[in-house]
Amino acid sequence: AYEKLGKNYTHDKLVAELSFGVWVFLFAGKQYQAG
């Protein structure tokens, strides 16, 4: 998603570009522990 945005990157655009599943799995075991 970051690479797709390229020069148009902003943090808000990156947040919007991500699927809901990404946000779900940030709370899954491994990702959550890592963060």
PDB file of all heavy atoms in Angstrom:
ATOM      1  N   ALA A   1       0.836  -1.210   0.000  1.00  0.00           N
ATOM      2  CA  ALA A   1       0.000   0.000   0.000  1.00  0.00           C
ATOM      3  C   ALA A   1       0.870   1.258   0.000  1.00  0.00           C
ATOM      4  O   ALA A   1       0.583   2.232  -0.713  1.00  0.00           O
ATOM      5  CB  ALA A   1      -0.926  -0.012   1.207  1.00  0.00           C
ATOM      6  N   TYR A   2       1.937   1.230   0.767  1.00  0.00           N
ATOM      7  CA  TYR A   2       2.869   2.361   0.845  1.00  0.00           C
ATOM      8  C   TYR A   2       3.514   2.612  -0.523  1.00  0.00           C
ATOM      9  O   TYR A   2       3.559   3.744  -1.007  1.00  0.00           O
ATOM     10  CB  TYR A   2       3.917   2.072   1.916  1.00  0.00           C
ATOM     11  CG  TYR A   2       4.996   3.115   2.050  1.00  0.00           C
ATOM     12  CD1 TYR A   2       4.694   4.410   2.467  1.00  0.00           C
ATOM     13  CD2 TYR A   2       6.323   2.797   1.782  1.00  0.00           C
ATOM     14  CE1 TYR A   2       5.692   5.367   2.593  1.00  0.00           C
ATOM     15  CE2 TYR A   2       7.323   3.748   1.921  1.00  0.00           C
ATOM     16  CZ  TYR A   2       7.005   5.027   2.314  1.00  0.00           C
ATOM     17  OH  TYR A   2       7.992   5.974   2.449  1.00  0.00           O
ATOM     18  N   GLU A   3       3.983   1.544  -1.154  1.00  0.00           N
ATOM     19  CA  GLU A   3       4.623   1.673  -2.467  1.00  0.00           C
ATOM     20  C   GLU A   3       3.627   2.122  -3.533  1.00  0.00           C
ATOM     21  O   GLU A   3       3.974   2.902  -4.419  1.00  0.00           O
ATOM     22  CB  GLU A   3       5.289   0.356  -2.856  1.00  0.00           C
ATOM     23  CG  GLU A   3       6.525   0.062  -2.020  1.00  0.00           C
ATOM     24  CD  GLU A   3       7.120  -1.318  -2.268  1.00  0.00           C
ATOM     25  OE1 GLU A   3       6.557  -2.098  -3.077  1.00  0.00           O
ATOM     26  OE2 GLU A   3       8.141  -1.627  -1.624  1.00  0.00           O
ATOM     27  N   LYS A   4       2.402   1.646  -3.444  1.00  0.00           N
ATOM     28  CA  LYS A   4       1.362   2.040  -4.400  1.00  0.00           C
ATOM     29  C   LYS A   4       1.101   3.547  -4.337  1.00  0.00           C
ATOM     30  O   LYS A   4       0.897   4.187  -5.363  1.00  0.00           O
ATOM     31  CB  LYS A   4       0.068   1.266  -4.103  1.00  0.00           C
ATOM     32  CG  LYS A   4      -1.086   1.615  -5.002  1.00  0.00           C
ATOM     33  CD  LYS A   4      -2.334   0.838  -4.615  1.00  0.00           C
ATOM     34  CE  LYS A   4      -3.532   1.313  -5.398  1.00  0.00           C
ATOM     35  NZ  LYS A   4      -4.769   0.685  -4.923  1.00  0.00           N
ATOM     36  N   LEU A   5       1.137   4.102  -3.146  1.00  0.00           N
ATOM     37  CA  LEU A   5       0.894   5.535  -2.995  1.00  0.00           C
ATOM     38  C   LEU A   5       2.047   6.368  -3.554  1.00  0.00           C
ATOM     39  O   LEU A   5       1.822   7.467  -4.067  1.00  0.00           O
ATOM     40  CB  LEU A   5       0.654   5.883  -1.526  1.00  0.00           C
ATOM     41  CG  LEU A   5      -0.673   5.417  -0.954  1.00  0.00           C
ATOM     42  CD1 LEU A   5      -0.690   5.580   0.564  1.00  0.00           C
ATOM     43  CD2 LEU A   5      -1.828   6.158  -1.591  1.00  0.00           C
ATOM     44  N   GLY A   6       3.251   5.854  -3.458  1.00  0.00           N
ATOM     45  CA  GLY A   6       4.417   6.557  -4.008  1.00  0.00           C
ATOM     46  C   GLY A   6       4.496   8.004  -3.569  1.00  0.00           C
ATOM     47  O   GLY A   6       4.434   8.316  -2.379  1.00  0.00           O
ATOM     48  N   LYS A   7       4.605   8.913  -4.536  1.00  0.00           N
ATOM     49  CA  LYS A   7       4.727  10.348  -4.256  1.00  0.00           C
ATOM     50  C   LYS A   7       3.473  10.920  -3.608  1.00  0.00           C
ATOM     51  O   LYS A   7       3.506  11.986  -3.016  1.00  0.00           O
ATOM     52  CB  LYS A   7       5.032  11.123  -5.540  1.00  0.00           C
ATOM     53  CG  LYS A   7       6.398  10.864  -6.100  1.00  0.00           C
ATOM     54  CD  LYS A   7       6.619  11.676  -7.359  1.00  0.00           C
ATOM     55  CE  LYS A   7       7.980  11.352  -7.958  1.00  0.00           C
ATOM     56  NZ  LYS A   7       8.202  12.097  -9.201  1.00  0.00           N
ATOM     57  N   ASN A   8       2.353  10.237  -3.750  1.00  0.00           N
ATOM     58  CA  ASN A   8       1.086  10.705  -3.170  1.00  0.00           C
ATOM     59  C   ASN A   8       0.916  10.286  -1.715  1.00  0.00           C
ATOM     60  O   ASN A   8      -0.135  10.504  -1.129  1.00  0.00           O
ATOM     61  CB  ASN A   8      -0.102  10.181  -3.982  1.00  0.00           C
ATOM     62  CG  ASN A   8      -0.114  10.745  -5.379  1.00  0.00           C
ATOM     63  OD1 ASN A   8       0.185  11.912  -5.590  1.00  0.00           O
ATOM     64  ND2 ASN A   8      -0.425   9.898  -6.352  1.00  0.00           N
ATOM     65  N   TYR A   9       1.961   9.676  -1.141  1.00  0.00           N
ATOM     66  CA  TYR A   9       1.867   9.178   0.228  1.00  0.00           C
ATOM     67  C   TYR A   9       1.581  10.289   1.236  1.00  0.00           C
ATOM     68  O   TYR A   9       2.184  11.345   1.212  1.00  0.00           O
ATOM     69  CB  TYR A   9       3.157   8.467   0.640  1.00  0.00           C
ATOM     70  CG  TYR A   9       3.236   8.271   2.138  1.00  0.00           C
ATOM     71  CD1 TYR A   9       2.559   7.216   2.739  1.00  0.00           C
ATOM     72  CD2 TYR A   9       3.902   9.179   2.960  1.00  0.00           C
ATOM     73  CE1 TYR A   9       2.572   7.054   4.120  1.00  0.00           C
ATOM     74  CE2 TYR A   9       3.932   9.023   4.337  1.00  0.00           C
ATOM     75  CZ  TYR A   9       3.264   7.954   4.910  1.00  0.00           C
ATOM     76  OH  TYR A   9       3.268   7.806   6.268  1.00  0.00           O
ATOM     77  N   THR A  10       0.626  10.007   2.097  1.00  0.00           N
ATOM     78  CA  THR A  10       0.467  10.688   3.381  1.00  0.00           C
ATOM     79  C   THR A  10       0.056   9.571   4.339  1.00  0.00           C
ATOM     80  O   THR A  10      -0.451   8.528   3.911  1.00  0.00           O
ATOM     81  CB  THR A  10      -0.627  11.788   3.386  1.00  0.00           C
ATOM     82  OG1 THR A  10      -1.910  11.174   3.209  1.00  0.00           O
ATOM     83  CG2 THR A  10      -0.373  12.850   2.317  1.00  0.00           C
ATOM     84  N   HIS A  11       0.274   9.795   5.611  1.00  0.00           N
ATOM     85  CA  HIS A  11      -0.100   8.754   6.571  1.00  0.00           C
ATOM     86  C   HIS A  11      -1.603   8.469   6.491  1.00  0.00           C
ATOM     87  O   HIS A  11      -2.016   7.313   6.511  1.00  0.00           O
ATOM     88  CB  HIS A  11       0.295   9.164   7.991  1.00  0.00           C
ATOM     89  CG  HIS A  11       0.039   8.085   8.997  1.00  0.00           C
ATOM     90  ND1 HIS A  11       0.856   6.990   9.120  1.00  0.00           N
ATOM     91  CD2 HIS A  11      -0.955   7.918   9.893  1.00  0.00           C
ATOM     92  CE1 HIS A  11       0.381   6.194  10.057  1.00  0.00           C
ATOM     93  NE2 HIS A  11      -0.710   6.732  10.547  1.00  0.00           N
ATOM     94  N   ASP A  12      -2.412   9.506   6.369  1.00  0.00           N
ATOM     95  CA  ASP A  12      -3.866   9.319   6.278  1.00  0.00           C
ATOM     96  C   ASP A  12      -4.250   8.501   5.045  1.00  0.00           C
ATOM     97  O   ASP A  12      -5.141   7.648   5.119  1.00  0.00           O
ATOM     98  CB  ASP A  12      -4.585  10.663   6.266  1.00  0.00           C
ATOM     99  CG  ASP A  12      -4.530  11.373   7.605  1.00  0.00           C
ATOM    100  OD1 ASP A  12      -4.225  10.717   8.625  1.00  0.00           O
ATOM    101  OD2 ASP A  12      -4.790  12.594   7.638  1.00  0.00           O
ATOM    102  N   LYS A  13      -3.594   8.746   3.913  1.00  0.00           N
ATOM    103  CA  LYS A  13      -3.885   7.969   2.706  1.00  0.00           C
ATOM    104  C   LYS A  13      -3.480   6.510   2.896  1.00  0.00           C
ATOM    105  O   LYS A  13      -4.166   5.609   2.409  1.00  0.00           O
ATOM    106  CB  LYS A  13      -3.180   8.565   1.484  1.00  0.00           C
ATOM    107  CG  LYS A  13      -3.822   9.843   0.996  1.00  0.00           C
ATOM    108  CD  LYS A  13      -3.099  10.380  -0.227  1.00  0.00           C
ATOM    109  CE  LYS A  13      -3.739  11.677  -0.686  1.00  0.00           C
ATOM    110  NZ  LYS A  13      -3.040  12.241  -1.849  1.00  0.00           N
ATOM    111  N   LEU A  14      -2.373   6.283   3.589  1.00  0.00           N
ATOM    112  CA  LEU A  14      -1.943   4.905   3.851  1.00  0.00           C
ATOM    113  C   LEU A  14      -2.951   4.202   4.742  1.00  0.00           C
ATOM    114  O   LEU A  14      -3.328   3.052   4.474  1.00  0.00           O
ATOM    115  CB  LEU A  14      -0.551   4.888   4.486  1.00  0.00           C
ATOM    116  CG  LEU A  14       0.031   3.506   4.807  1.00  0.00           C
ATOM    117  CD1 LEU A  14       0.110   2.629   3.557  1.00  0.00           C
ATOM    118  CD2 LEU A  14       1.405   3.651   5.447  1.00  0.00           C
ATOM    119  N   VAL A  15      -3.422   4.864   5.769  1.00  0.00           N
ATOM    120  CA  VAL A  15      -4.447   4.288   6.652  1.00  0.00           C
ATOM    121  C   VAL A  15      -5.671   3.904   5.833  1.00  0.00           C
ATOM    122  O   VAL A  15      -6.206   2.794   5.964  1.00  0.00           O
ATOM    123  CB  VAL A  15      -4.819   5.274   7.785  1.00  0.00           C
ATOM    124  CG1 VAL A  15      -6.082   4.827   8.502  1.00  0.00           C
ATOM    125  CG2 VAL A  15      -3.670   5.430   8.768  1.00  0.00           C
ATOM    126  N   ALA A  16      -6.108   4.798   4.954  1.00  0.00           N
ATOM    127  CA  ALA A  16      -7.302   4.549   4.140  1.00  0.00           C
ATOM    128  C   ALA A  16      -7.088   3.444   3.111  1.00  0.00           C
ATOM    129  O   ALA A  16      -8.037   2.745   2.738  1.00  0.00           O
ATOM    130  CB  ALA A  16      -7.730   5.835   3.435  1.00  0.00           C
ATOM    131  N   GLU A  17      -5.877   3.271   2.667  1.00  0.00           N
ATOM    132  CA  GLU A  17      -5.560   2.281   1.631  1.00  0.00           C
ATOM    133  C   GLU A  17      -5.616   0.846   2.148  1.00  0.00           C
ATOM    134  O   GLU A  17      -5.857  -0.093   1.399  1.00  0.00           O
ATOM    135  CB  GLU A  17      -4.164   2.580   1.070  1.00  0.00           C
ATOM    136  CG  GLU A  17      -3.762   1.767  -0.117  1.00  0.00           C
ATOM    137  CD  GLU A  17      -4.518   2.109  -1.397  1.00  0.00           C
ATOM    138  OE1 GLU A  17      -4.964   3.255  -1.553  1.00  0.00           O
ATOM    139  OE2 GLU A  17      -4.655   1.196  -2.231  1.00  0.00           O
ATOM    140  N   LEU A  18      -5.429   0.667   3.429  1.00  0.00           N
ATOM    141  CA  LEU A  18      -5.353  -0.677   4.002  1.00  0.00           C
ATOM    142  C   LEU A  18      -6.738  -1.293   4.170  1.00  0.00           C
ATOM    143  O   LEU A  18      -7.694  -0.621   4.529  1.00  0.00           O
ATOM    144  CB  LEU A  18      -4.627  -0.624   5.347  1.00  0.00           C
ATOM    145  CG  LEU A  18      -3.183  -0.130   5.269  1.00  0.00           C
ATOM    146  CD1 LEU A  18      -2.607   0.042   6.664  1.00  0.00           C
ATOM    147  CD2 LEU A  18      -2.320  -1.086   4.444  1.00  0.00           C
ATOM    148  N   SER A  19      -6.810  -2.592   3.935  1.00  0.00           N
ATOM    149  CA  SER A  19      -8.078  -3.300   4.103  1.00  0.00           C
ATOM    150  C   SER A  19      -8.407  -3.439   5.590  1.00  0.00           C
ATOM    151  O   SER A  19      -7.535  -3.338   6.457  1.00  0.00           O
ATOM    152  CB  SER A  19      -7.987  -4.697   3.479  1.00  0.00           C
ATOM    153  OG  SER A  19      -7.146  -5.527   4.254  1.00  0.00           O
ATOM    154  N   PHE A  20      -9.674  -3.694   5.872  1.00  0.00           N
ATOM    155  CA  PHE A  20     -10.097  -3.876   7.255  1.00  0.00           C
ATOM    156  C   PHE A  20      -9.371  -5.059   7.890  1.00  0.00           C
ATOM    157  O   PHE A  20      -9.033  -5.042   9.072  1.00  0.00           O
ATOM    158  CB  PHE A  20     -11.616  -4.054   7.326  1.00  0.00           C
ATOM    159  CG  PHE A  20     -12.151  -4.037   8.720  1.00  0.00           C
ATOM    160  CD1 PHE A  20     -12.151  -2.877   9.476  1.00  0.00           C
ATOM    161  CD2 PHE A  20     -12.654  -5.192   9.302  1.00  0.00           C
ATOM    162  CE1 PHE A  20     -12.638  -2.852  10.766  1.00  0.00           C
ATOM    163  CE2 PHE A  20     -13.152  -5.181  10.594  1.00  0.00           C
ATOM    164  CZ  PHE A  20     -13.146  -4.009  11.320  1.00  0.00           C
ATOM    165  N   GLY A  21      -9.090  -6.076   7.075  1.00  0.00           N
ATOM    166  CA  GLY A  21      -8.393  -7.253   7.574  1.00  0.00           C
ATOM    167  C   GLY A  21      -7.028  -6.936   8.165  1.00  0.00           C
ATOM    168  O   GLY A  21      -6.603  -7.562   9.137  1.00  0.00           O
ATOM    169  N   VAL A  22      -6.328  -5.965   7.606  1.00  0.00           N
ATOM    170  CA  VAL A  22      -5.029  -5.568   8.148  1.00  0.00           C
ATOM    171  C   VAL A  22      -5.204  -5.076   9.578  1.00  0.00           C
ATOM    172  O   VAL A  22      -4.450  -5.442  10.478  1.00  0.00           O
ATOM    173  CB  VAL A  22      -4.356  -4.487   7.274  1.00  0.00           C
ATOM    174  CG1 VAL A  22      -3.125  -3.902   7.961  1.00  0.00           C
ATOM    175  CG2 VAL A  22      -3.986  -5.057   5.912  1.00  0.00           C
ATOM    176  N   TRP A  23      -6.232  -4.259   9.802  1.00  0.00           N
ATOM    177  CA  TRP A  23      -6.469  -3.713  11.139  1.00  0.00           C
ATOM    178  C   TRP A  23      -6.861  -4.813  12.111  1.00  0.00           C
ATOM    179  O   TRP A  23      -6.444  -4.809  13.263  1.00  0.00           O
ATOM    180  CB  TRP A  23      -7.534  -2.612  11.084  1.00  0.00           C
ATOM    181  CG  TRP A  23      -7.084  -1.510  10.181  1.00  0.00           C
ATOM    182  CD1 TRP A  23      -7.544  -1.232   8.918  1.00  0.00           C
ATOM    183  CD2 TRP A  23      -6.015  -0.592  10.431  1.00  0.00           C
ATOM    184  NE1 TRP A  23      -6.834  -0.196   8.390  1.00  0.00           N
ATOM    185  CE2 TRP A  23      -5.895   0.226   9.292  1.00  0.00           C
ATOM    186  CE3 TRP A  23      -5.161  -0.382  11.498  1.00  0.00           C
ATOM    187  CZ2 TRP A  23      -4.952   1.237   9.198  1.00  0.00           C
ATOM    188  CZ3 TRP A  23      -4.220   0.631  11.409  1.00  0.00           C
ATOM    189  CH2 TRP A  23      -4.122   1.421  10.276  1.00  0.00           C
ATOM    190  N   VAL A  24      -7.646  -5.771  11.638  1.00  0.00           N
ATOM    191  CA  VAL A  24      -8.019  -6.905  12.489  1.00  0.00           C
ATOM    192  C   VAL A  24      -6.760  -7.640  12.940  1.00  0.00           C
ATOM    193  O   VAL A  24      -6.557  -7.890  14.134  1.00  0.00           O
ATOM    194  CB  VAL A  24      -8.967  -7.881  11.749  1.00  0.00           C
ATOM    195  CG1 VAL A  24      -9.207  -9.136  12.573  1.00  0.00           C
ATOM    196  CG2 VAL A  24     -10.292  -7.200  11.406  1.00  0.00           C
ATOM    197  N   PHE A  25      -5.899  -7.959  11.988  1.00  0.00           N
ATOM    198  CA  PHE A  25      -4.745  -8.786  12.312  1.00  0.00           C
ATOM    199  C   PHE A  25      -3.642  -8.043  13.060  1.00  0.00           C
ATOM    200  O   PHE A  25      -2.759  -8.674  13.622  1.00  0.00           O
ATOM    201  CB  PHE A  25      -4.238  -9.529  11.076  1.00  0.00           C
ATOM    202  CG  PHE A  25      -5.165 -10.658  10.741  1.00  0.00           C
ATOM    203  CD1 PHE A  25      -6.061 -10.559   9.698  1.00  0.00           C
ATOM    204  CD2 PHE A  25      -5.190 -11.797  11.526  1.00  0.00           C
ATOM    205  CE1 PHE A  25      -6.952 -11.579   9.428  1.00  0.00           C
ATOM    206  CE2 PHE A  25      -6.074 -12.831  11.269  1.00  0.00           C
ATOM    207  CZ  PHE A  25      -6.954 -12.718  10.217  1.00  0.00           C
ATOM    208  N   LEU A  26      -3.707  -6.717  13.117  1.00  0.00           N
ATOM    209  CA  LEU A  26      -2.775  -6.007  13.995  1.00  0.00           C
ATOM    210  C   LEU A  26      -3.065  -6.338  15.457  1.00  0.00           C
ATOM    211  O   LEU A  26      -2.211  -6.174  16.316  1.00  0.00           O
ATOM    212  CB  LEU A  26      -2.837  -4.494  13.760  1.00  0.00           C
ATOM    213  CG  LEU A  26      -2.143  -4.007  12.496  1.00  0.00           C
ATOM    214  CD1 LEU A  26      -2.335  -2.504  12.331  1.00  0.00           C
ATOM    215  CD2 LEU A  26      -0.659  -4.359  12.502  1.00  0.00           C
ATOM    216  N   PHE A  27      -4.280  -6.837  15.724  1.00  0.00           N
ATOM    217  CA  PHE A  27      -4.624  -7.256  17.082  1.00  0.00           C
ATOM    218  C   PHE A  27      -4.525  -8.764  17.271  1.00  0.00           C
ATOM    219  O   PHE A  27      -4.823  -9.273  18.337  1.00  0.00           O
ATOM    220  CB  PHE A  27      -6.024  -6.748  17.467  1.00  0.00           C
ATOM    221  CG  PHE A  27      -6.026  -5.305  17.843  1.00  0.00           C
ATOM    222  CD1 PHE A  27      -6.208  -4.322  16.896  1.00  0.00           C
ATOM    223  CD2 PHE A  27      -5.794  -4.925  19.163  1.00  0.00           C
ATOM    224  CE1 PHE A  27      -6.171  -2.989  17.243  1.00  0.00           C
ATOM    225  CE2 PHE A  27      -5.755  -3.589  19.526  1.00  0.00           C
ATOM    226  CZ  PHE A  27      -5.950  -2.613  18.555  1.00  0.00           C
ATOM    227  N   ALA A  28      -4.111  -9.487  16.230  1.00  0.00           N
ATOM    228  CA  ALA A  28      -3.884 -10.929  16.355  1.00  0.00           C
ATOM    229  C   ALA A  28      -2.598 -11.151  17.147  1.00  0.00           C
ATOM    230  O   ALA A  28      -1.767 -10.248  17.282  1.00  0.00           O
ATOM    231  CB  ALA A  28      -3.789 -11.572  14.971  1.00  0.00           C
ATOM    232  N   GLY A  29      -2.435 -12.347  17.655  1.00  0.00           N
ATOM    233  CA  GLY A  29      -1.338 -12.682  18.553  1.00  0.00           C
ATOM    234  C   GLY A  29       0.033 -12.145  18.200  1.00  0.00           C
ATOM    235  O   GLY A  29       0.603 -11.337  18.925  1.00  0.00           O
ATOM    236  N   LYS A  30       0.606 -12.574  17.080  1.00  0.00           N
ATOM    237  CA  LYS A  30       1.986 -12.228  16.736  1.00  0.00           C
ATOM    238  C   LYS A  30       2.156 -10.728  16.520  1.00  0.00           C
ATOM    239  O   LYS A  30       3.084 -10.117  17.030  1.00  0.00           O
ATOM    240  CB  LYS A  30       2.429 -12.960  15.470  1.00  0.00           C
ATOM    241  CG  LYS A  30       3.276 -14.173  15.661  1.00  0.00           C
ATOM    242  CD  LYS A  30       4.417 -13.964  16.599  1.00  0.00           C
ATOM    243  CE  LYS A  30       5.386 -15.104  16.502  1.00  0.00           C
ATOM    244  NZ  LYS A  30       6.346 -15.126  17.562  1.00  0.00           N
ATOM    245  N   GLN A  31       1.295 -10.142  15.689  1.00  0.00           N
ATOM    246  CA  GLN A  31       1.417  -8.715  15.395  1.00  0.00           C
ATOM    247  C   GLN A  31       1.256  -7.875  16.656  1.00  0.00           C
ATOM    248  O   GLN A  31       1.995  -6.927  16.884  1.00  0.00           O
ATOM    249  CB  GLN A  31       0.385  -8.269  14.351  1.00  0.00           C
ATOM    250  CG  GLN A  31       0.741  -8.600  12.942  1.00  0.00           C
ATOM    251  CD  GLN A  31       0.284  -9.988  12.526  1.00  0.00           C
ATOM    252  OE1 GLN A  31       0.776 -10.485  11.557  1.00  0.00           O
ATOM    253  NE2 GLN A  31      -0.628 -10.624  13.208  1.00  0.00           N
ATOM    254  N   TYR A  32       0.292  -8.258  17.465  1.00  0.00           N
ATOM    255  CA  TYR A  32       0.050  -7.502  18.691  1.00  0.00           C
ATOM    256  C   TYR A  32       1.251  -7.593  19.632  1.00  0.00           C
ATOM    257  O   TYR A  32       1.697  -6.590  20.183  1.00  0.00           O
ATOM    258  CB  TYR A  32      -1.220  -7.999  19.395  1.00  0.00           C
ATOM    259  CG  TYR A  32      -1.511  -7.209  20.640  1.00  0.00           C
ATOM    260  CD1 TYR A  32      -2.080  -5.956  20.559  1.00  0.00           C
ATOM    261  CD2 TYR A  32      -1.163  -7.701  21.894  1.00  0.00           C
ATOM    262  CE1 TYR A  32      -2.317  -5.213  21.702  1.00  0.00           C
ATOM    263  CE2 TYR A  32      -1.400  -6.965  23.035  1.00  0.00           C
ATOM    264  CZ  TYR A  32      -1.982  -5.717  22.936  1.00  0.00           C
ATOM    265  OH  TYR A  32      -2.197  -4.980  24.064  1.00  0.00           O
ATOM    266  N   GLN A  33       1.770  -8.790  19.798  1.00  0.00           N
ATOM    267  CA  GLN A  33       2.951  -8.966  20.655  1.00  0.00           C
ATOM    268  C   GLN A  33       4.136  -8.171  20.124  1.00  0.00           C
ATOM    269  O   GLN A  33       4.875  -7.557  20.894  1.00  0.00           O
ATOM    270  CB  GLN A  33       3.327 -10.450  20.759  1.00  0.00           C
ATOM    271  CG  GLN A  33       2.369 -11.253  21.587  1.00  0.00           C
ATOM    272  CD  GLN A  33       2.683 -12.750  21.535  1.00  0.00           C
ATOM    273  OE1 GLN A  33       3.524 -13.198  20.764  1.00  0.00           O
ATOM    274  NE2 GLN A  33       1.991 -13.517  22.356  1.00  0.00           N
ATOM    275  N   ALA A  34       4.308  -8.181  18.813  1.00  0.00           N
ATOM    276  CA  ALA A  34       5.434  -7.469  18.207  1.00  0.00           C
ATOM    277  C   ALA A  34       5.324  -5.963  18.455  1.00  0.00           C
ATOM    278  O   ALA A  34       6.330  -5.292  18.683  1.00  0.00           O
ATOM    279  CB  ALA A  34       5.493  -7.756  16.708  1.00  0.00           C
ATOM    280  N   GLY A  35       4.104  -5.442  18.411  1.00  0.00           N
ATOM    281  CA  GLY A  35       3.904  -4.010  18.604  1.00  0.00           C
ATOM    282  C   GLY A  35       3.770  -3.606  20.060  1.00  0.00           C
ATOM    283  O   GLY A  35       3.751  -2.412  20.372  1.00  0.00           O
TER     284      GLY A  35
END
